[in-house]
């Protein structure tokens, strides 16, 4: 799996690249982190129903590419996600124009997104009514970053023959309710047919690997060293080297 070069502005450079594959990969990465926050923000902030929110989410990413909005981003003034949220506000404010475009072309589909699943999550999530739309946008962005990292970690472990490492990490750190006591290492050892010592070693390695992958995701989703370090401190409480 190849990533973007770890350089300042790499995401924006990829989105404006002359290489179609690089542009598509950049859009896929950006959408992977932001489509759920955008959809839920439109529903909560603008009070839009599911179909309208889904259409506007697709429209947002289409215009992000077609109007080259990222080229106008100034990382010295705001975080990328703050800038994108402001763009969503502008799109919603001009909803009649955006909806007219969608209506003319039928339901706009530039990305394959599971809107039905996120619809259920949004409508059934009790926190949605407790947080401001802006705070919920931030929360969903954090969830998306970690979800992307988990999927990359799973793929990496499968590729490298380390399925046990991911299984232990999933069982101990991902599964179940956070309020419920985590399983003991001895119980995990019996469950997965290994030793408690190996469980200890594998979980320690898994957390190192996972943190590195989260940092890689953040490198792709930030456009300056300062923003990358700020996000790393906020999400992981670490100062990356």
C-alpha atoms as a PDB file:
ATOM      1  CA  UNK A   1       0.000   0.000   0.000  1.00  0.00           C
ATOM      2  CA  UNK A   2       1.513   3.319  -1.056  1.00  0.00           C
ATOM      3  CA  UNK A   3       0.761   6.540   0.754  1.00  0.00           C
ATOM      4  CA  UNK A   4       1.237  10.181  -0.038  1.00  0.00           C
ATOM      5  CA  UNK A   5       4.701  11.643   0.382  1.00  0.00           C
ATOM      6  CA  UNK A   6       5.156  12.961   3.902  1.00  0.00           C
ATOM      7  CA  UNK A   7       5.614  16.549   2.791  1.00  0.00           C
ATOM      8  CA  UNK A   8       3.894  19.833   3.487  1.00  0.00           C
ATOM      9  CA  UNK A   9       0.690  20.170   1.493  1.00  0.00           C
ATOM     10  CA  UNK A  10       0.784  16.609   0.181  1.00  0.00           C
ATOM     11  CA  UNK A  11      -2.999  16.156   0.221  1.00  0.00           C
ATOM     12  CA  UNK A  12      -3.661  19.367  -1.670  1.00  0.00           C
ATOM     13  CA  UNK A  13      -0.854  18.554  -4.107  1.00  0.00           C
ATOM     14  CA  UNK A  14      -2.419  15.148  -4.759  1.00  0.00           C
ATOM     15  CA  UNK A  15      -5.896  16.637  -5.282  1.00  0.00           C
ATOM     16  CA  UNK A  16      -4.514  18.956  -7.963  1.00  0.00           C
ATOM     17  CA  UNK A  17      -2.097  16.478  -9.502  1.00  0.00           C
ATOM     18  CA  UNK A  18      -2.001  15.858 -13.244  1.00  0.00           C
ATOM     19  CA  UNK A  19      -2.093  12.130 -12.478  1.00  0.00           C
ATOM     20  CA  UNK A  20      -5.745  10.975 -12.507  1.00  0.00           C
ATOM     21  CA  UNK A  21      -4.988   8.002 -10.245  1.00  0.00           C
ATOM     22  CA  UNK A  22      -3.349  10.248  -7.678  1.00  0.00           C
ATOM     23  CA  UNK A  23      -6.288  12.649  -7.749  1.00  0.00           C
ATOM     24  CA  UNK A  24      -8.759   9.784  -7.333  1.00  0.00           C
ATOM     25  CA  UNK A  25      -6.761   8.372  -4.432  1.00  0.00           C
ATOM     26  CA  UNK A  26      -6.668  11.800  -2.772  1.00  0.00           C
ATOM     27  CA  UNK A  27     -10.428  12.239  -3.171  1.00  0.00           C
ATOM     28  CA  UNK A  28     -11.033   8.747  -1.794  1.00  0.00           C
ATOM     29  CA  UNK A  29      -8.882   9.504   1.253  1.00  0.00           C
ATOM     30  CA  UNK A  30     -10.461  12.879   1.878  1.00  0.00           C
ATOM     31  CA  UNK A  31     -13.985  11.542   1.425  1.00  0.00           C
ATOM     32  CA  UNK A  32     -13.225   8.586   3.682  1.00  0.00           C
ATOM     33  CA  UNK A  33     -12.468  10.968   6.508  1.00  0.00           C
ATOM     34  CA  UNK A  34     -15.102  13.610   5.843  1.00  0.00           C
ATOM     35  CA  UNK A  35     -18.237  12.249   4.194  1.00  0.00           C
ATOM     36  CA  UNK A  36     -19.868  11.138   7.452  1.00  0.00           C
ATOM     37  CA  UNK A  37     -19.056  14.408   9.250  1.00  0.00           C
ATOM     38  CA  UNK A  38     -20.403  16.367   6.268  1.00  0.00           C
ATOM     39  CA  UNK A  39     -23.609  14.334   6.057  1.00  0.00           C
ATOM     40  CA  UNK A  40     -24.359  14.513   9.786  1.00  0.00           C
ATOM     41  CA  UNK A  41     -23.469  18.211   9.902  1.00  0.00           C
ATOM     42  CA  UNK A  42     -25.896  19.001   7.085  1.00  0.00           C
ATOM     43  CA  UNK A  43     -28.639  17.074   8.847  1.00  0.00           C
ATOM     44  CA  UNK A  44     -28.050  18.617  12.270  1.00  0.00           C
ATOM     45  CA  UNK A  45     -27.033  22.171  11.361  1.00  0.00           C
ATOM     46  CA  UNK A  46     -29.355  22.722   8.412  1.00  0.00           C
ATOM     47  CA  UNK A  47     -32.122  20.361   9.526  1.00  0.00           C
ATOM     48  CA  UNK A  48     -32.144  18.547   6.198  1.00  0.00           C
ATOM     49  CA  UNK A  49     -33.809  15.193   5.664  1.00  0.00           C
ATOM     50  CA  UNK A  50     -31.820  12.145   4.653  1.00  0.00           C
ATOM     51  CA  UNK A  51     -32.165  12.436   0.873  1.00  0.00           C
ATOM     52  CA  UNK A  52     -31.268  16.123   0.785  1.00  0.00           C
ATOM     53  CA  UNK A  53     -28.282  15.603   3.096  1.00  0.00           C
ATOM     54  CA  UNK A  54     -27.007  12.706   0.984  1.00  0.00           C
ATOM     55  CA  UNK A  55     -27.341  14.737  -2.229  1.00  0.00           C
ATOM     56  CA  UNK A  56     -25.603  17.748  -0.709  1.00  0.00           C
ATOM     57  CA  UNK A  57     -22.787  15.555   0.560  1.00  0.00           C
ATOM     58  CA  UNK A  58     -22.181  14.205  -2.931  1.00  0.00           C
ATOM     59  CA  UNK A  59     -22.446  17.736  -4.297  1.00  0.00           C
ATOM     60  CA  UNK A  60     -19.889  18.977  -1.785  1.00  0.00           C
ATOM     61  CA  UNK A  61     -17.193  16.570  -2.928  1.00  0.00           C
ATOM     62  CA  UNK A  62     -18.026  17.186  -6.593  1.00  0.00           C
ATOM     63  CA  UNK A  63     -17.579  20.922  -6.156  1.00  0.00           C
ATOM     64  CA  UNK A  64     -14.498  20.439  -4.023  1.00  0.00           C
ATOM     65  CA  UNK A  65     -12.846  18.929  -7.108  1.00  0.00           C
ATOM     66  CA  UNK A  66     -14.485  20.956  -9.868  1.00  0.00           C
ATOM     67  CA  UNK A  67     -14.032  24.355  -8.234  1.00  0.00           C
ATOM     68  CA  UNK A  68     -10.600  23.519  -6.827  1.00  0.00           C
ATOM     69  CA  UNK A  69     -11.598  24.728  -3.381  1.00  0.00           C
ATOM     70  CA  UNK A  70      -8.550  23.217  -1.706  1.00  0.00           C
ATOM     71  CA  UNK A  71      -6.242  25.473  -3.715  1.00  0.00           C
ATOM     72  CA  UNK A  72      -7.625  28.432  -1.747  1.00  0.00           C
ATOM     73  CA  UNK A  73      -6.995  26.875   1.651  1.00  0.00           C
ATOM     74  CA  UNK A  74      -4.543  28.778   3.865  1.00  0.00           C
ATOM     75  CA  UNK A  75      -3.238  26.487   6.646  1.00  0.00           C
ATOM     76  CA  UNK A  76      -1.979  29.505   8.600  1.00  0.00           C
ATOM     77  CA  UNK A  77      -5.569  30.636   9.196  1.00  0.00           C
ATOM     78  CA  UNK A  78      -7.433  27.461  10.141  1.00  0.00           C
ATOM     79  CA  UNK A  79      -7.340  23.692  10.311  1.00  0.00           C
ATOM     80  CA  UNK A  80      -8.321  21.905   7.147  1.00  0.00           C
ATOM     81  CA  UNK A  81     -11.454  20.456   8.729  1.00  0.00           C
ATOM     82  CA  UNK A  82     -12.564  23.911   9.879  1.00  0.00           C
ATOM     83  CA  UNK A  83     -12.113  25.221   6.358  1.00  0.00           C
ATOM     84  CA  UNK A  84     -14.114  22.324   4.914  1.00  0.00           C
ATOM     85  CA  UNK A  85     -16.922  22.888   7.409  1.00  0.00           C
ATOM     86  CA  UNK A  86     -17.118  26.538   6.357  1.00  0.00           C
ATOM     87  CA  UNK A  87     -17.365  25.388   2.742  1.00  0.00           C
ATOM     88  CA  UNK A  88     -20.266  23.119   3.716  1.00  0.00           C
ATOM     89  CA  UNK A  89     -21.987  26.116   5.316  1.00  0.00           C
ATOM     90  CA  UNK A  90     -21.603  28.009   2.061  1.00  0.00           C
ATOM     91  CA  UNK A  91     -22.958  25.122   0.028  1.00  0.00           C
ATOM     92  CA  UNK A  92     -26.015  24.809   2.256  1.00  0.00           C
ATOM     93  CA  UNK A  93     -26.565  28.570   2.096  1.00  0.00           C
ATOM     94  CA  UNK A  94     -26.751  28.246  -1.691  1.00  0.00           C
ATOM     95  CA  UNK A  95     -28.869  25.126  -1.475  1.00  0.00           C
ATOM     96  CA  UNK A  96     -31.342  26.113  -4.167  1.00  0.00           C
ATOM     97  CA  UNK A  97     -28.572  26.322  -6.743  1.00  0.00           C
ATOM     98  CA  UNK A  98     -26.982  23.074  -5.580  1.00  0.00           C
ATOM     99  CA  UNK A  99     -30.287  21.226  -5.488  1.00  0.00           C
ATOM    100  CA  UNK A 100     -31.132  22.487  -8.971  1.00  0.00           C
ATOM    101  CA  UNK A 101     -27.942  20.971 -10.300  1.00  0.00           C
ATOM    102  CA  UNK A 102     -28.635  17.644  -8.624  1.00  0.00           C
ATOM    103  CA  UNK A 103     -32.201  17.647  -9.940  1.00  0.00           C
ATOM    104  CA  UNK A 104     -31.082  18.372 -13.496  1.00  0.00           C
ATOM    105  CA  UNK A 105     -28.632  15.480 -13.515  1.00  0.00           C
ATOM    106  CA  UNK A 106     -30.587  13.077 -11.402  1.00  0.00           C
ATOM    107  CA  UNK A 107     -29.189  11.867  -8.104  1.00  0.00           C
ATOM    108  CA  UNK A 108     -25.533  12.862  -8.173  1.00  0.00           C
ATOM    109  CA  UNK A 109     -23.187   9.955  -7.473  1.00  0.00           C
ATOM    110  CA  UNK A 110     -19.472  10.661  -7.635  1.00  0.00           C
ATOM    111  CA  UNK A 111     -18.635   8.453  -4.669  1.00  0.00           C
ATOM    112  CA  UNK A 112     -19.946   5.103  -3.476  1.00  0.00           C
ATOM    113  CA  UNK A 113     -21.102   5.859   0.059  1.00  0.00           C
ATOM    114  CA  UNK A 114     -23.324   3.915   2.452  1.00  0.00           C
ATOM    115  CA  UNK A 115     -25.729   6.691   3.348  1.00  0.00           C
ATOM    116  CA  UNK A 116     -28.352   4.289   4.701  1.00  0.00           C
ATOM    117  CA  UNK A 117     -25.982   3.061   7.415  1.00  0.00           C
ATOM    118  CA  UNK A 118     -24.951   6.540   8.524  1.00  0.00           C
ATOM    119  CA  UNK A 119     -28.600   7.604   8.430  1.00  0.00           C
ATOM    120  CA  UNK A 120     -29.420   5.003  11.065  1.00  0.00           C
ATOM    121  CA  UNK A 121     -26.393   5.962  13.141  1.00  0.00           C
ATOM    122  CA  UNK A 122     -27.327   9.639  13.071  1.00  0.00           C
ATOM    123  CA  UNK A 123     -31.010   9.183  13.832  1.00  0.00           C
ATOM    124  CA  UNK A 124     -30.418   6.650  16.614  1.00  0.00           C
ATOM    125  CA  UNK A 125     -27.408   8.342  18.224  1.00  0.00           C
ATOM    126  CA  UNK A 126     -28.490  10.021  21.481  1.00  0.00           C
ATOM    127  CA  UNK A 127     -25.349  12.179  21.486  1.00  0.00           C
ATOM    128  CA  UNK A 128     -26.529  13.906  18.301  1.00  0.00           C
ATOM    129  CA  UNK A 129     -29.034  15.887  20.340  1.00  0.00           C
ATOM    130  CA  UNK A 130     -26.550  16.756  23.088  1.00  0.00           C
ATOM    131  CA  UNK A 131     -23.711  18.217  21.019  1.00  0.00           C
ATOM    132  CA  UNK A 132     -23.712  21.257  18.784  1.00  0.00           C
ATOM    133  CA  UNK A 133     -23.555  20.469  15.054  1.00  0.00           C
ATOM    134  CA  UNK A 134     -19.980  21.797  15.044  1.00  0.00           C
ATOM    135  CA  UNK A 135     -18.941  19.563  17.943  1.00  0.00           C
ATOM    136  CA  UNK A 136     -20.679  16.578  16.356  1.00  0.00           C
ATOM    137  CA  UNK A 137     -18.799  17.277  13.123  1.00  0.00           C
ATOM    138  CA  UNK A 138     -15.538  17.166  15.081  1.00  0.00           C
ATOM    139  CA  UNK A 139     -16.553  13.957  16.836  1.00  0.00           C
ATOM    140  CA  UNK A 140     -17.462  12.248  13.577  1.00  0.00           C
ATOM    141  CA  UNK A 141     -14.171  13.338  12.030  1.00  0.00           C
ATOM    142  CA  UNK A 142     -12.220  11.742  14.867  1.00  0.00           C
ATOM    143  CA  UNK A 143     -14.266   8.553  14.494  1.00  0.00           C
ATOM    144  CA  UNK A 144     -13.576   8.511  10.760  1.00  0.00           C
ATOM    145  CA  UNK A 145      -9.822   8.892  11.269  1.00  0.00           C
ATOM    146  CA  UNK A 146      -9.707   5.988  13.694  1.00  0.00           C
ATOM    147  CA  UNK A 147     -11.993   3.868  11.491  1.00  0.00           C
ATOM    148  CA  UNK A 148      -9.680   4.407   8.530  1.00  0.00           C
ATOM    149  CA  UNK A 149      -6.689   3.496  10.692  1.00  0.00           C
ATOM    150  CA  UNK A 150      -8.365   0.330  11.993  1.00  0.00           C
ATOM    151  CA  UNK A 151      -9.136  -0.837   8.451  1.00  0.00           C
ATOM    152  CA  UNK A 152      -5.565  -0.157   7.303  1.00  0.00           C
ATOM    153  CA  UNK A 153      -4.217  -1.986  10.341  1.00  0.00           C
ATOM    154  CA  UNK A 154      -6.449  -4.971   9.601  1.00  0.00           C
ATOM    155  CA  UNK A 155      -5.260  -5.052   5.981  1.00  0.00           C
ATOM    156  CA  UNK A 156      -1.610  -4.730   7.022  1.00  0.00           C
ATOM    157  CA  UNK A 157      -1.876  -7.570   9.536  1.00  0.00           C
ATOM    158  CA  UNK A 158      -3.591  -9.801   6.974  1.00  0.00           C
ATOM    159  CA  UNK A 159      -0.931  -9.037   4.390  1.00  0.00           C
ATOM    160  CA  UNK A 160       1.940  -9.701   6.825  1.00  0.00           C
ATOM    161  CA  UNK A 161       0.504 -12.868   8.348  1.00  0.00           C
ATOM    162  CA  UNK A 162      -0.191 -11.220  11.701  1.00  0.00           C
ATOM    163  CA  UNK A 163      -3.879 -11.990  11.973  1.00  0.00           C
ATOM    164  CA  UNK A 164      -3.485 -12.958  15.641  1.00  0.00           C
ATOM    165  CA  UNK A 165      -2.125  -9.505  16.439  1.00  0.00           C
ATOM    166  CA  UNK A 166      -5.141  -7.797  14.933  1.00  0.00           C
ATOM    167  CA  UNK A 167      -7.565 -10.281  16.505  1.00  0.00           C
ATOM    168  CA  UNK A 168      -6.146  -9.625  19.956  1.00  0.00           C
ATOM    169  CA  UNK A 169      -6.161  -5.881  19.395  1.00  0.00           C
ATOM    170  CA  UNK A 170      -9.756  -6.027  18.216  1.00  0.00           C
ATOM    171  CA  UNK A 171     -10.884  -8.217  21.111  1.00  0.00           C
ATOM    172  CA  UNK A 172      -9.180  -6.106  23.759  1.00  0.00           C
ATOM    173  CA  UNK A 173      -9.360  -2.550  22.432  1.00  0.00           C
ATOM    174  CA  UNK A 174     -12.244  -2.427  19.949  1.00  0.00           C
ATOM    175  CA  UNK A 175     -14.966  -4.883  20.872  1.00  0.00           C
ATOM    176  CA  UNK A 176     -17.712  -4.384  23.403  1.00  0.00           C
ATOM    177  CA  UNK A 177     -18.854  -1.487  25.524  1.00  0.00           C
ATOM    178  CA  UNK A 178     -16.161   0.805  26.905  1.00  0.00           C
ATOM    179  CA  UNK A 179     -17.951   0.750  30.257  1.00  0.00           C
ATOM    180  CA  UNK A 180     -17.566  -3.026  30.501  1.00  0.00           C
ATOM    181  CA  UNK A 181     -14.409  -4.438  32.012  1.00  0.00           C
ATOM    182  CA  UNK A 182     -11.935  -5.582  29.409  1.00  0.00           C
ATOM    183  CA  UNK A 183     -11.082  -9.271  29.123  1.00  0.00           C
ATOM    184  CA  UNK A 184      -8.107 -10.585  31.072  1.00  0.00           C
ATOM    185  CA  UNK A 185      -5.002 -11.549  29.164  1.00  0.00           C
ATOM    186  CA  UNK A 186      -5.335 -15.120  30.414  1.00  0.00           C
ATOM    187  CA  UNK A 187      -8.857 -15.315  28.998  1.00  0.00           C
ATOM    188  CA  UNK A 188      -7.665 -13.980  25.659  1.00  0.00           C
ATOM    189  CA  UNK A 189      -4.846 -16.531  25.647  1.00  0.00           C
ATOM    190  CA  UNK A 190      -7.338 -19.382  26.060  1.00  0.00           C
ATOM    191  CA  UNK A 191      -9.691 -17.897  23.488  1.00  0.00           C
ATOM    192  CA  UNK A 192      -7.008 -17.592  20.820  1.00  0.00           C
ATOM    193  CA  UNK A 193      -4.896 -20.621  21.740  1.00  0.00           C
ATOM    194  CA  UNK A 194      -1.753 -18.797  22.827  1.00  0.00           C
ATOM    195  CA  UNK A 195       0.015 -17.748  26.027  1.00  0.00           C
ATOM    196  CA  UNK A 196      -0.618 -14.770  28.278  1.00  0.00           C
ATOM    197  CA  UNK A 197       2.947 -13.630  27.645  1.00  0.00           C
ATOM    198  CA  UNK A 198       2.331 -13.651  23.912  1.00  0.00           C
ATOM    199  CA  UNK A 199      -0.902 -11.722  24.397  1.00  0.00           C
ATOM    200  CA  UNK A 200       1.060  -9.077  26.307  1.00  0.00           C
ATOM    201  CA  UNK A 201       3.702  -8.840  23.602  1.00  0.00           C
ATOM    202  CA  UNK A 202       1.243  -8.852  20.731  1.00  0.00           C
ATOM    203  CA  UNK A 203      -0.942  -6.126  22.255  1.00  0.00           C
ATOM    204  CA  UNK A 204       2.079  -3.921  22.944  1.00  0.00           C
ATOM    205  CA  UNK A 205       3.209  -4.336  19.334  1.00  0.00           C
ATOM    206  CA  UNK A 206      -0.329  -3.786  18.037  1.00  0.00           C
ATOM    207  CA  UNK A 207      -0.642  -0.471  19.849  1.00  0.00           C
ATOM    208  CA  UNK A 208       2.684   0.717  18.450  1.00  0.00           C
ATOM    209  CA  UNK A 209       1.661  -0.344  14.951  1.00  0.00           C
ATOM    210  CA  UNK A 210      -1.775   1.213  15.245  1.00  0.00           C
ATOM    211  CA  UNK A 211      -0.445   4.513  16.526  1.00  0.00           C
ATOM    212  CA  UNK A 212       1.959   4.661  13.575  1.00  0.00           C
ATOM    213  CA  UNK A 213      -0.938   4.063  11.173  1.00  0.00           C
ATOM    214  CA  UNK A 214      -3.052   6.766  12.810  1.00  0.00           C
ATOM    215  CA  UNK A 215      -0.140   9.150  12.350  1.00  0.00           C
ATOM    216  CA  UNK A 216       0.110   8.131   8.689  1.00  0.00           C
ATOM    217  CA  UNK A 217      -3.598   8.892   8.222  1.00  0.00           C
ATOM    218  CA  UNK A 218      -3.152  12.275   9.879  1.00  0.00           C
ATOM    219  CA  UNK A 219      -0.206  13.036   7.606  1.00  0.00           C
ATOM    220  CA  UNK A 220      -2.469  12.489   4.614  1.00  0.00           C
ATOM    221  CA  UNK A 221      -5.272  14.608   6.046  1.00  0.00           C
ATOM    222  CA  UNK A 222      -3.234  17.620   7.133  1.00  0.00           C
ATOM    223  CA  UNK A 223      -1.434  20.108   4.964  1.00  0.00           C
ATOM    224  CA  UNK A 224       1.291  21.502   7.188  1.00  0.00           C
ATOM    225  CA  UNK A 225       3.717  20.204   9.787  1.00  0.00           C
ATOM    226  CA  UNK A 226       2.125  22.438  12.401  1.00  0.00           C
ATOM    227  CA  UNK A 227      -1.386  21.108  11.714  1.00  0.00           C
ATOM    228  CA  UNK A 228      -0.128  17.518  11.701  1.00  0.00           C
ATOM    229  CA  UNK A 229       1.518  17.946  15.103  1.00  0.00           C
ATOM    230  CA  UNK A 230      -1.531  19.709  16.500  1.00  0.00           C
ATOM    231  CA  UNK A 231      -3.832  16.882  15.402  1.00  0.00           C
ATOM    232  CA  UNK A 232      -1.436  14.213  16.675  1.00  0.00           C
ATOM    233  CA  UNK A 233      -1.393  15.816  20.104  1.00  0.00           C
ATOM    234  CA  UNK A 234      -5.181  16.173  20.114  1.00  0.00           C
ATOM    235  CA  UNK A 235      -5.965  12.606  18.994  1.00  0.00           C
ATOM    236  CA  UNK A 236      -3.110  10.626  20.517  1.00  0.00           C
ATOM    237  CA  UNK A 237      -1.552  12.875  23.114  1.00  0.00           C
ATOM    238  CA  UNK A 238       1.871  12.456  21.512  1.00  0.00           C
ATOM    239  CA  UNK A 239       4.486  14.729  19.980  1.00  0.00           C
ATOM    240  CA  UNK A 240       5.447  12.966  16.723  1.00  0.00           C
ATOM    241  CA  UNK A 241       9.081  12.819  15.768  1.00  0.00           C
END
